[in-house]
Amino acid sequence: MPSTVAEAAMAFVFGLASGVVPVLNVELYLLGLGTLGGGTLLMGAAAAGLGQTLGKIPYFYIGRGALNVPWLKRRARTPPRWAERAERWRAKAEGRPLWALGLVGVSSLASVPPFMVVSVLAGTVRMPVWSFAAVTFVTRTVRFAVVVYAPGAALWLL
């Protein structure tokens, strides 16, 4: 049992860190966890999903203008190729809360459009933080469950 808790704690910490610092790849970490096959894989996916959710909340608050952390603001800047698209999404999302939730869900699940950009956008359009966090947690956990179970599924197919 202690190894399961330790694995979940590590998945949470890595998920949190990769949520704030996108160069850290939580999917690679979870792929390794799935390959080793220890503990409860779904618990690891959920822990990483919670960590990622908490890691995206600062970007959400940057979009709201409530957080002024210079290095995070630099990371949150929309890449030039996404700036025009982000403005169109913002215009659509402001009057359509379900569309905004759908965009957050799709981006969180598929990372297209980039989820960091969508996290800032969600704050910009004044989406309630609880709905952003709930959709993010569920969709990230689903994404991470697919990743963590992929090695076992691949072995089963062979």
N, C-alpha and C. Protein backbone atom coordinates (compact mmCIF):
# COMPACT_ATOMS: atom_id res chain seq x y z
N MET A 1 0.80 -1.21 0.00
CA MET A 1 0.00 0.00 0.00
C MET A 1 0.85 1.28 0.00
N PRO A 2 1.94 1.36 0.78
CA PRO A 2 2.73 2.59 0.78
C PRO A 2 3.27 2.96 -0.60
N SER A 3 3.63 1.95 -1.41
CA SER A 3 4.16 2.28 -2.73
C SER A 3 3.07 2.89 -3.60
N THR A 4 1.81 2.47 -3.42
CA THR A 4 0.71 3.03 -4.19
C THR A 4 0.52 4.50 -3.84
N VAL A 5 0.56 4.81 -2.55
CA VAL A 5 0.41 6.20 -2.10
C VAL A 5 1.59 7.03 -2.59
N ALA A 6 2.78 6.48 -2.52
CA ALA A 6 3.97 7.20 -2.98
C ALA A 6 3.90 7.46 -4.48
N GLU A 7 3.46 6.47 -5.24
CA GLU A 7 3.32 6.65 -6.69
C GLU A 7 2.30 7.72 -7.01
N ALA A 8 1.17 7.71 -6.31
CA ALA A 8 0.13 8.73 -6.52
C ALA A 8 0.65 10.11 -6.14
N ALA A 9 1.40 10.19 -5.04
CA ALA A 9 1.96 11.47 -4.61
C ALA A 9 2.95 12.00 -5.65
N MET A 10 3.78 11.13 -6.19
CA MET A 10 4.74 11.54 -7.22
C MET A 10 4.02 11.98 -8.48
N ALA A 11 2.96 11.26 -8.86
CA ALA A 11 2.18 11.64 -10.04
C ALA A 11 1.54 13.01 -9.84
N PHE A 12 1.04 13.26 -8.62
CA PHE A 12 0.45 14.56 -8.30
C PHE A 12 1.50 15.67 -8.42
N VAL A 13 2.66 15.46 -7.80
CA VAL A 13 3.72 16.47 -7.81
C VAL A 13 4.19 16.74 -9.23
N PHE A 14 4.39 15.67 -10.01
CA PHE A 14 4.85 15.86 -11.38
C PHE A 14 3.76 16.52 -12.22
N GLY A 15 2.50 16.14 -12.00
CA GLY A 15 1.40 16.78 -12.70
C GLY A 15 1.32 18.26 -12.39
N LEU A 16 1.47 18.62 -11.12
CA LEU A 16 1.45 20.02 -10.70
C LEU A 16 2.60 20.80 -11.35
N ALA A 17 3.80 20.24 -11.27
CA ALA A 17 4.97 20.91 -11.85
C ALA A 17 4.82 21.09 -13.35
N SER A 18 4.33 20.05 -14.04
CA SER A 18 4.19 20.16 -15.49
C SER A 18 3.02 21.05 -15.88
N GLY A 19 2.07 21.25 -14.97
CA GLY A 19 0.98 22.19 -15.24
C GLY A 19 1.47 23.62 -15.25
N VAL A 20 2.46 23.91 -14.44
CA VAL A 20 3.01 25.26 -14.36
C VAL A 20 4.14 25.44 -15.37
N VAL A 21 4.98 24.43 -15.52
CA VAL A 21 6.14 24.49 -16.41
C VAL A 21 5.93 23.48 -17.54
N PRO A 22 5.36 23.95 -18.67
CA PRO A 22 4.95 23.02 -19.73
C PRO A 22 6.06 22.17 -20.36
N VAL A 23 7.33 22.53 -20.17
CA VAL A 23 8.39 21.69 -20.74
C VAL A 23 8.49 20.34 -20.04
N LEU A 24 7.99 20.27 -18.83
CA LEU A 24 7.94 18.98 -18.14
C LEU A 24 6.76 18.21 -18.72
N ASN A 25 6.99 16.98 -19.13
CA ASN A 25 5.95 16.22 -19.82
C ASN A 25 5.40 15.14 -18.90
N VAL A 26 4.21 15.39 -18.35
CA VAL A 26 3.59 14.44 -17.44
C VAL A 26 3.18 13.16 -18.17
N GLU A 27 2.88 13.26 -19.46
CA GLU A 27 2.51 12.06 -20.22
C GLU A 27 3.66 11.05 -20.27
N LEU A 28 4.88 11.54 -20.44
CA LEU A 28 6.04 10.63 -20.44
C LEU A 28 6.20 9.97 -19.08
N TYR A 29 6.01 10.75 -18.02
CA TYR A 29 6.09 10.20 -16.67
C TYR A 29 5.05 9.10 -16.48
N LEU A 30 3.82 9.36 -16.91
CA LEU A 30 2.74 8.38 -16.76
C LEU A 30 2.94 7.17 -17.65
N LEU A 31 3.52 7.36 -18.81
CA LEU A 31 3.83 6.23 -19.68
C LEU A 31 4.82 5.31 -18.98
N GLY A 32 5.81 5.90 -18.31
CA GLY A 32 6.76 5.10 -17.52
C GLY A 32 6.07 4.40 -16.37
N LEU A 33 5.16 5.08 -15.70
CA LEU A 33 4.40 4.47 -14.60
C LEU A 33 3.58 3.29 -15.11
N GLY A 34 2.96 3.47 -16.27
CA GLY A 34 2.17 2.39 -16.86
C GLY A 34 3.03 1.23 -17.31
N THR A 35 4.22 1.52 -17.78
CA THR A 35 5.14 0.46 -18.19
C THR A 35 5.61 -0.35 -17.00
N LEU A 36 5.89 0.32 -15.89
CA LEU A 36 6.32 -0.38 -14.68
C LEU A 36 5.16 -1.14 -14.05
N GLY A 37 3.94 -0.63 -14.27
CA GLY A 37 2.74 -1.34 -13.84
C GLY A 37 2.52 -1.45 -12.35
N GLY A 38 3.16 -0.64 -11.56
CA GLY A 38 2.99 -0.73 -10.12
C GLY A 38 1.76 0.00 -9.63
N GLY A 39 1.29 -0.37 -8.46
CA GLY A 39 0.20 0.35 -7.82
C GLY A 39 -1.09 0.36 -8.61
N THR A 40 -1.92 1.29 -8.29
CA THR A 40 -3.17 1.46 -9.01
C THR A 40 -2.97 2.54 -10.06
N LEU A 41 -3.01 2.14 -11.31
CA LEU A 41 -2.73 3.08 -12.38
C LEU A 41 -3.76 4.19 -12.46
N LEU A 42 -5.02 3.86 -12.21
CA LEU A 42 -6.06 4.89 -12.27
C LEU A 42 -5.84 5.94 -11.18
N MET A 43 -5.35 5.52 -10.03
CA MET A 43 -5.05 6.48 -8.95
C MET A 43 -3.93 7.42 -9.41
N GLY A 44 -2.95 6.89 -10.09
CA GLY A 44 -1.87 7.74 -10.61
C GLY A 44 -2.38 8.73 -11.64
N ALA A 45 -3.29 8.27 -12.52
CA ALA A 45 -3.86 9.17 -13.52
C ALA A 45 -4.68 10.27 -12.86
N ALA A 46 -5.48 9.92 -11.85
CA ALA A 46 -6.30 10.90 -11.14
C ALA A 46 -5.43 11.89 -10.37
N ALA A 47 -4.37 11.39 -9.75
CA ALA A 47 -3.46 12.27 -9.01
C ALA A 47 -2.77 13.25 -9.95
N ALA A 48 -2.33 12.77 -11.10
CA ALA A 48 -1.71 13.66 -12.09
C ALA A 48 -2.74 14.65 -12.63
N GLY A 49 -4.00 14.19 -12.81
CA GLY A 49 -5.06 15.09 -13.27
C GLY A 49 -5.32 16.20 -12.27
N LEU A 50 -5.33 15.86 -10.99
CA LEU A 50 -5.51 16.88 -9.94
C LEU A 50 -4.34 17.85 -9.93
N GLY A 51 -3.12 17.32 -10.04
CA GLY A 51 -1.94 18.18 -10.08
C GLY A 51 -1.96 19.13 -11.26
N GLN A 52 -2.31 18.61 -12.44
CA GLN A 52 -2.38 19.45 -13.63
C GLN A 52 -3.45 20.53 -13.48
N THR A 53 -4.59 20.15 -12.90
CA THR A 53 -5.68 21.12 -12.70
C THR A 53 -5.19 22.26 -11.83
N LEU A 54 -4.56 21.93 -10.71
CA LEU A 54 -4.05 22.97 -9.81
C LEU A 54 -2.94 23.78 -10.47
N GLY A 55 -2.17 23.13 -11.35
CA GLY A 55 -1.09 23.82 -12.06
C GLY A 55 -1.58 24.80 -13.11
N LYS A 56 -2.79 24.61 -13.61
CA LYS A 56 -3.34 25.52 -14.62
C LYS A 56 -4.11 26.69 -14.01
N ILE A 57 -4.46 26.59 -12.73
CA ILE A 57 -5.21 27.66 -12.07
C ILE A 57 -4.45 29.00 -12.11
N PRO A 58 -3.13 29.04 -11.90
CA PRO A 58 -2.44 30.34 -12.02
C PRO A 58 -2.60 30.97 -13.41
N TYR A 59 -2.57 30.17 -14.46
CA TYR A 59 -2.77 30.71 -15.81
C TYR A 59 -4.18 31.27 -15.96
N PHE A 60 -5.15 30.58 -15.37
CA PHE A 60 -6.54 31.04 -15.36
C PHE A 60 -6.62 32.43 -14.71
N TYR A 61 -5.97 32.59 -13.57
CA TYR A 61 -6.01 33.87 -12.86
C TYR A 61 -5.19 34.95 -13.56
N ILE A 62 -4.20 34.57 -14.33
CA ILE A 62 -3.49 35.55 -15.16
C ILE A 62 -4.47 36.11 -16.19
N GLY A 63 -5.29 35.23 -16.78
CA GLY A 63 -6.30 35.68 -17.73
C GLY A 63 -7.30 36.64 -17.10
N ARG A 64 -7.61 36.42 -15.85
CA ARG A 64 -8.53 37.31 -15.12
C ARG A 64 -7.86 38.63 -14.76
N GLY A 65 -6.55 38.68 -14.80
CA GLY A 65 -5.84 39.88 -14.39
C GLY A 65 -5.64 39.95 -12.89
N ALA A 66 -5.92 38.85 -12.20
CA ALA A 66 -5.83 38.83 -10.74
C ALA A 66 -4.46 38.40 -10.24
N LEU A 67 -3.62 37.93 -11.13
CA LEU A 67 -2.31 37.41 -10.72
C LEU A 67 -1.25 38.10 -11.56
N ASN A 68 -0.24 38.63 -10.91
CA ASN A 68 0.82 39.33 -11.62
C ASN A 68 2.16 38.69 -11.28
N VAL A 69 2.46 37.61 -11.98
CA VAL A 69 3.73 36.91 -11.81
C VAL A 69 4.45 37.01 -13.15
N PRO A 70 5.49 37.85 -13.24
CA PRO A 70 6.12 38.13 -14.54
C PRO A 70 6.53 36.89 -15.34
N TRP A 71 7.18 35.92 -14.72
CA TRP A 71 7.64 34.76 -15.51
C TRP A 71 6.46 33.91 -15.97
N LEU A 72 5.39 33.83 -15.18
CA LEU A 72 4.20 33.11 -15.62
C LEU A 72 3.50 33.87 -16.74
N LYS A 73 3.47 35.20 -16.64
CA LYS A 73 2.86 36.00 -17.70
C LYS A 73 3.60 35.80 -19.02
N ARG A 74 4.93 35.73 -18.95
CA ARG A 74 5.70 35.48 -20.18
C ARG A 74 5.34 34.12 -20.77
N ARG A 75 5.19 33.09 -19.91
CA ARG A 75 4.84 31.75 -20.38
C ARG A 75 3.43 31.73 -20.97
N ALA A 76 2.55 32.59 -20.42
CA ALA A 76 1.15 32.60 -20.82
C ALA A 76 0.89 33.41 -22.09
N ARG A 77 1.89 34.15 -22.54
CA ARG A 77 1.70 34.95 -23.75
C ARG A 77 1.31 34.05 -24.90
N THR A 78 0.31 34.48 -25.63
CA THR A 78 -0.17 33.70 -26.77
C THR A 78 0.86 33.75 -27.89
N PRO A 79 1.27 32.58 -28.39
CA PRO A 79 2.20 32.59 -29.53
C PRO A 79 1.55 33.33 -30.71
N PRO A 80 2.35 34.03 -31.52
CA PRO A 80 1.79 34.83 -32.60
C PRO A 80 0.82 34.07 -33.50
N ARG A 81 1.11 32.83 -33.80
CA ARG A 81 0.23 32.08 -34.71
C ARG A 81 -1.12 31.76 -34.08
N TRP A 82 -1.20 31.82 -32.74
CA TRP A 82 -2.46 31.53 -32.05
C TRP A 82 -3.20 32.79 -31.64
N ALA A 83 -2.58 33.97 -31.74
CA ALA A 83 -3.19 35.20 -31.24
C ALA A 83 -4.53 35.49 -31.90
N GLU A 84 -4.59 35.40 -33.21
CA GLU A 84 -5.85 35.68 -33.92
C GLU A 84 -6.92 34.66 -33.56
N ARG A 85 -6.55 33.39 -33.51
CA ARG A 85 -7.50 32.35 -33.12
C ARG A 85 -8.00 32.56 -31.70
N ALA A 86 -7.09 32.90 -30.79
CA ALA A 86 -7.47 33.12 -29.40
C ALA A 86 -8.47 34.27 -29.28
N GLU A 87 -8.29 35.31 -30.07
CA GLU A 87 -9.23 36.43 -30.04
C GLU A 87 -10.61 35.99 -30.54
N ARG A 88 -10.66 35.17 -31.59
CA ARG A 88 -11.95 34.66 -32.09
C ARG A 88 -12.61 33.78 -31.03
N TRP A 89 -11.83 32.92 -30.37
CA TRP A 89 -12.39 32.05 -29.32
C TRP A 89 -12.93 32.89 -28.17
N ARG A 90 -12.16 33.93 -27.80
CA ARG A 90 -12.60 34.80 -26.71
C ARG A 90 -13.93 35.46 -27.05
N ALA A 91 -14.05 35.96 -28.28
CA ALA A 91 -15.29 36.62 -28.70
C ALA A 91 -16.46 35.63 -28.67
N LYS A 92 -16.24 34.41 -29.11
CA LYS A 92 -17.30 33.39 -29.09
C LYS A 92 -17.65 32.98 -27.66
N ALA A 93 -16.64 32.79 -26.85
CA ALA A 93 -16.83 32.24 -25.50
C ALA A 93 -17.52 33.22 -24.56
N GLU A 94 -17.32 34.51 -24.76
CA GLU A 94 -17.88 35.48 -23.81
C GLU A 94 -19.39 35.40 -23.72
N GLY A 95 -20.08 35.11 -24.79
CA GLY A 95 -21.53 35.04 -24.75
C GLY A 95 -22.08 33.63 -24.67
N ARG A 96 -21.21 32.63 -24.70
CA ARG A 96 -21.65 31.24 -24.73
C ARG A 96 -20.89 30.40 -23.71
N PRO A 97 -21.40 30.34 -22.49
CA PRO A 97 -20.66 29.61 -21.44
C PRO A 97 -20.51 28.12 -21.74
N LEU A 98 -21.49 27.48 -22.38
CA LEU A 98 -21.34 26.06 -22.71
C LEU A 98 -20.29 25.85 -23.79
N TRP A 99 -20.21 26.75 -24.73
CA TRP A 99 -19.18 26.67 -25.76
C TRP A 99 -17.80 26.79 -25.11
N ALA A 100 -17.69 27.71 -24.15
CA ALA A 100 -16.42 27.90 -23.46
C ALA A 100 -16.03 26.64 -22.68
N LEU A 101 -17.01 26.03 -21.99
CA LEU A 101 -16.73 24.79 -21.26
C LEU A 101 -16.31 23.68 -22.22
N GLY A 102 -16.98 23.62 -23.38
CA GLY A 102 -16.62 22.62 -24.39
C GLY A 102 -15.21 22.83 -24.91
N LEU A 103 -14.84 24.08 -25.13
CA LEU A 103 -13.49 24.39 -25.59
C LEU A 103 -12.45 23.98 -24.55
N VAL A 104 -12.74 24.27 -23.29
CA VAL A 104 -11.83 23.86 -22.21
C VAL A 104 -11.71 22.34 -22.19
N GLY A 105 -12.84 21.64 -22.31
CA GLY A 105 -12.82 20.18 -22.28
C GLY A 105 -12.04 19.57 -23.43
N VAL A 106 -12.28 20.06 -24.63
CA VAL A 106 -11.58 19.53 -25.81
C VAL A 106 -10.09 19.83 -25.72
N SER A 107 -9.75 21.06 -25.34
CA SER A 107 -8.34 21.43 -25.23
C SER A 107 -7.64 20.63 -24.14
N SER A 108 -8.32 20.45 -23.02
CA SER A 108 -7.74 19.69 -21.92
C SER A 108 -7.53 18.23 -22.29
N LEU A 109 -8.45 17.69 -23.04
CA LEU A 109 -8.36 16.28 -23.44
C LEU A 109 -7.36 16.05 -24.56
N ALA A 110 -7.38 16.91 -25.57
CA ALA A 110 -6.57 16.69 -26.77
C ALA A 110 -5.37 17.63 -26.90
N SER A 111 -5.32 18.65 -26.07
CA SER A 111 -4.27 19.69 -26.13
C SER A 111 -4.27 20.46 -27.44
N VAL A 112 -5.41 20.49 -28.11
CA VAL A 112 -5.59 21.30 -29.31
C VAL A 112 -6.90 22.03 -29.16
N PRO A 113 -6.92 23.32 -29.10
CA PRO A 113 -5.79 24.25 -29.07
C PRO A 113 -4.98 24.08 -27.78
N PRO A 114 -3.77 24.65 -27.76
CA PRO A 114 -2.91 24.47 -26.58
C PRO A 114 -3.62 24.83 -25.28
N PHE A 115 -3.57 23.92 -24.33
CA PHE A 115 -4.35 24.08 -23.11
C PHE A 115 -3.89 25.26 -22.26
N MET A 116 -2.61 25.61 -22.29
CA MET A 116 -2.15 26.76 -21.53
C MET A 116 -2.83 28.03 -22.04
N VAL A 117 -2.95 28.16 -23.36
CA VAL A 117 -3.61 29.31 -23.96
C VAL A 117 -5.09 29.33 -23.57
N VAL A 118 -5.73 28.17 -23.62
CA VAL A 118 -7.16 28.09 -23.28
C VAL A 118 -7.37 28.37 -21.80
N SER A 119 -6.43 27.99 -20.96
CA SER A 119 -6.54 28.30 -19.52
C SER A 119 -6.57 29.80 -19.28
N VAL A 120 -5.71 30.53 -19.98
CA VAL A 120 -5.70 31.99 -19.87
C VAL A 120 -7.01 32.55 -20.43
N LEU A 121 -7.44 32.03 -21.56
CA LEU A 121 -8.68 32.47 -22.19
C LEU A 121 -9.88 32.26 -21.27
N ALA A 122 -9.92 31.13 -20.57
CA ALA A 122 -11.02 30.84 -19.64
C ALA A 122 -11.10 31.90 -18.54
N GLY A 123 -9.96 32.34 -18.06
CA GLY A 123 -9.96 33.42 -17.07
C GLY A 123 -10.38 34.74 -17.67
N THR A 124 -9.96 34.99 -18.90
CA THR A 124 -10.30 36.23 -19.58
C THR A 124 -11.80 36.39 -19.76
N VAL A 125 -12.49 35.31 -20.09
CA VAL A 125 -13.94 35.39 -20.32
C VAL A 125 -14.75 35.24 -19.03
N ARG A 126 -14.05 35.24 -17.90
CA ARG A 126 -14.70 35.19 -16.58
C ARG A 126 -15.49 33.90 -16.34
N MET A 127 -14.98 32.80 -16.86
CA MET A 127 -15.59 31.50 -16.56
C MET A 127 -15.44 31.27 -15.05
N PRO A 128 -16.44 30.69 -14.40
CA PRO A 128 -16.28 30.39 -12.97
C PRO A 128 -15.12 29.40 -12.76
N VAL A 129 -14.28 29.70 -11.78
CA VAL A 129 -13.10 28.87 -11.54
C VAL A 129 -13.49 27.43 -11.22
N TRP A 130 -14.58 27.22 -10.52
CA TRP A 130 -14.99 25.86 -10.15
C TRP A 130 -15.37 25.05 -11.40
N SER A 131 -16.02 25.68 -12.40
CA SER A 131 -16.37 24.92 -13.60
C SER A 131 -15.12 24.64 -14.44
N PHE A 132 -14.20 25.62 -14.51
CA PHE A 132 -12.93 25.39 -15.20
C PHE A 132 -12.19 24.23 -14.55
N ALA A 133 -12.10 24.24 -13.21
CA ALA A 133 -11.37 23.20 -12.49
C ALA A 133 -12.04 21.83 -12.65
N ALA A 134 -13.36 21.78 -12.58
CA ALA A 134 -14.07 20.50 -12.69
C ALA A 134 -13.87 19.88 -14.07
N VAL A 135 -14.06 20.67 -15.12
CA VAL A 135 -13.90 20.15 -16.49
C VAL A 135 -12.44 19.75 -16.72
N THR A 136 -11.52 20.56 -16.24
CA THR A 136 -10.10 20.25 -16.41
C THR A 136 -9.74 18.95 -15.70
N PHE A 137 -10.17 18.79 -14.46
CA PHE A 137 -9.84 17.58 -13.71
C PHE A 137 -10.38 16.33 -14.41
N VAL A 138 -11.63 16.35 -14.82
CA VAL A 138 -12.24 15.17 -15.45
C VAL A 138 -11.54 14.85 -16.77
N THR A 139 -11.36 15.83 -17.62
CA THR A 139 -10.78 15.55 -18.94
C THR A 139 -9.30 15.21 -18.85
N ARG A 140 -8.56 15.85 -17.97
CA ARG A 140 -7.14 15.50 -17.80
C ARG A 140 -7.01 14.09 -17.22
N THR A 141 -7.87 13.72 -16.30
CA THR A 141 -7.81 12.37 -15.72
C THR A 141 -8.11 11.33 -16.80
N VAL A 142 -9.08 11.59 -17.65
CA VAL A 142 -9.38 10.66 -18.75
C VAL A 142 -8.17 10.55 -19.68
N ARG A 143 -7.59 11.69 -20.04
CA ARG A 143 -6.41 11.69 -20.92
C ARG A 143 -5.28 10.88 -20.29
N PHE A 144 -5.03 11.12 -19.01
CA PHE A 144 -3.94 10.45 -18.34
C PHE A 144 -4.22 8.96 -18.11
N ALA A 145 -5.47 8.59 -17.95
CA ALA A 145 -5.82 7.17 -17.82
C ALA A 145 -5.51 6.44 -19.12
N VAL A 146 -5.82 7.07 -20.23
CA VAL A 146 -5.49 6.46 -21.54
C VAL A 146 -3.98 6.26 -21.65
N VAL A 147 -3.22 7.28 -21.25
CA VAL A 147 -1.76 7.20 -21.35
C VAL A 147 -1.20 6.12 -20.43
N VAL A 148 -1.68 6.07 -19.19
CA VAL A 148 -1.11 5.15 -18.21
C VAL A 148 -1.47 3.69 -18.53
N TYR A 149 -2.61 3.47 -19.18
CA TYR A 149 -3.00 2.10 -19.53
C TYR A 149 -2.50 1.68 -20.91
N ALA A 150 -1.96 2.61 -21.68
CA ALA A 150 -1.49 2.30 -23.04
C ALA A 150 -0.44 1.19 -23.11
N PRO A 151 0.58 1.19 -22.24
CA PRO A 151 1.58 0.12 -22.34
C PRO A 151 0.98 -1.27 -22.12
N GLY A 152 0.09 -1.41 -21.16
CA GLY A 152 -0.56 -2.71 -20.93
C GLY A 152 -1.42 -3.12 -22.09
N ALA A 153 -2.13 -2.16 -22.67
CA ALA A 153 -2.96 -2.45 -23.83
C ALA A 153 -2.11 -2.87 -25.03
N ALA A 154 -0.98 -2.21 -25.20
CA ALA A 154 -0.09 -2.56 -26.31
C ALA A 154 0.47 -3.97 -26.14
N LEU A 155 0.86 -4.32 -24.92
CA LEU A 155 1.34 -5.68 -24.66
C LEU A 155 0.26 -6.72 -24.88
N TRP A 156 -0.96 -6.38 -24.48
CA TRP A 156 -2.08 -7.30 -24.66
C TRP A 156 -2.35 -7.55 -26.14
N LEU A 157 -2.19 -6.52 -26.97
CA LEU A 157 -2.42 -6.66 -28.41
C LEU A 157 -1.32 -7.48 -29.09
N LEU A 158 -0.14 -7.48 -28.50
CA LEU A 158 0.95 -8.25 -29.10
C LEU A 158 0.72 -9.70 -28.79
